[in-house]
Amino acid sequence: MLPREGTLVSFTENIGRTLILVDFGQIGKEYLFPHEIESEKGNYN
């Protein structure tokens, strides 16, 4: 199970699918699908 918070690193297209690389700090980096990510609303500067 991954932490609830991470930092978006990059987007990649692979076999017609979008993959998003997220950095979870000490746990490492993991590729996720867009539907697996929930943005934090109202916290943009």
C-alpha atoms as a PDB file:
ATOM      1  CA  MET A   1       0.000   0.000   0.000  1.00  0.00           C
ATOM      2  CA  LEU A   2       1.321   3.423  -0.980  1.00  0.00           C
ATOM      3  CA  PRO A   3       1.168   6.615   1.113  1.00  0.00           C
ATOM      4  CA  ARG A   4      -1.630   9.078   0.477  1.00  0.00           C
ATOM      5  CA  GLU A   5       0.749  11.894  -0.508  1.00  0.00           C
ATOM      6  CA  GLY A   6       3.452  12.085  -3.140  1.00  0.00           C
ATOM      7  CA  THR A   7       5.049  14.414  -5.668  1.00  0.00           C
ATOM      8  CA  LEU A   8       4.212  14.192  -9.358  1.00  0.00           C
ATOM      9  CA  VAL A   9       7.414  13.640 -11.342  1.00  0.00           C
ATOM     10  CA  SER A  10       6.376  12.997 -14.957  1.00  0.00           C
ATOM     11  CA  PHE A  11       3.798  11.692 -17.424  1.00  0.00           C
ATOM     12  CA  THR A  12       4.582   8.828 -19.829  1.00  0.00           C
ATOM     13  CA  GLU A  13       2.588   7.362 -22.714  1.00  0.00           C
ATOM     14  CA  ASN A  14       2.888   3.575 -23.104  1.00  0.00           C
ATOM     15  CA  ILE A  15       0.800   1.347 -25.387  1.00  0.00           C
ATOM     16  CA  GLY A  16      -1.855   4.065 -25.624  1.00  0.00           C
ATOM     17  CA  ARG A  17      -2.095   4.493 -21.849  1.00  0.00           C
ATOM     18  CA  THR A  18      -0.936   7.384 -19.699  1.00  0.00           C
ATOM     19  CA  LEU A  19       1.273   6.507 -16.745  1.00  0.00           C
ATOM     20  CA  ILE A  20       2.194   9.014 -14.048  1.00  0.00           C
ATOM     21  CA  LEU A  21       5.437   8.703 -12.095  1.00  0.00           C
ATOM     22  CA  VAL A  22       4.961   9.732  -8.462  1.00  0.00           C
ATOM     23  CA  ASP A  23       7.733  10.154  -5.881  1.00  0.00           C
ATOM     24  CA  PHE A  24       6.727   8.908  -2.433  1.00  0.00           C
ATOM     25  CA  GLY A  25       9.962  10.020  -0.739  1.00  0.00           C
ATOM     26  CA  GLN A  26      11.735   7.302   1.257  1.00  0.00           C
ATOM     27  CA  ILE A  27       9.387   4.640  -0.107  1.00  0.00           C
ATOM     28  CA  GLY A  28      10.507   5.386  -3.676  1.00  0.00           C
ATOM     29  CA  LYS A  29       8.879   6.154  -7.003  1.00  0.00           C
ATOM     30  CA  GLU A  30       5.906   4.333  -8.488  1.00  0.00           C
ATOM     31  CA  TYR A  31       3.991   4.527 -11.787  1.00  0.00           C
ATOM     32  CA  LEU A  32       0.238   5.031 -11.367  1.00  0.00           C
ATOM     33  CA  PHE A  33      -2.693   5.328 -13.756  1.00  0.00           C
ATOM     34  CA  PRO A  34      -4.590   8.652 -13.775  1.00  0.00           C
ATOM     35  CA  HIS A  35      -7.681   7.084 -12.166  1.00  0.00           C
ATOM     36  CA  GLU A  36      -5.509   6.034  -9.177  1.00  0.00           C
ATOM     37  CA  ILE A  37      -4.568   9.635  -8.347  1.00  0.00           C
ATOM     38  CA  GLU A  38      -6.701  12.116  -6.469  1.00  0.00           C
ATOM     39  CA  SER A  39      -5.614  15.758  -6.556  1.00  0.00           C
ATOM     40  CA  GLU A  40      -5.692  17.904  -3.465  1.00  0.00           C
ATOM     41  CA  LYS A  41      -8.198  20.691  -4.153  1.00  0.00           C
ATOM     42  CA  GLY A  42      -7.635  24.287  -3.143  1.00  0.00           C
ATOM     43  CA  ASN A  43      -3.939  23.850  -2.442  1.00  0.00           C
ATOM     44  CA  TYR A  44      -2.411  25.368  -5.593  1.00  0.00           C
ATOM     45  CA  ASN A  45      -0.141  28.397  -5.465  1.00  0.00           C
END
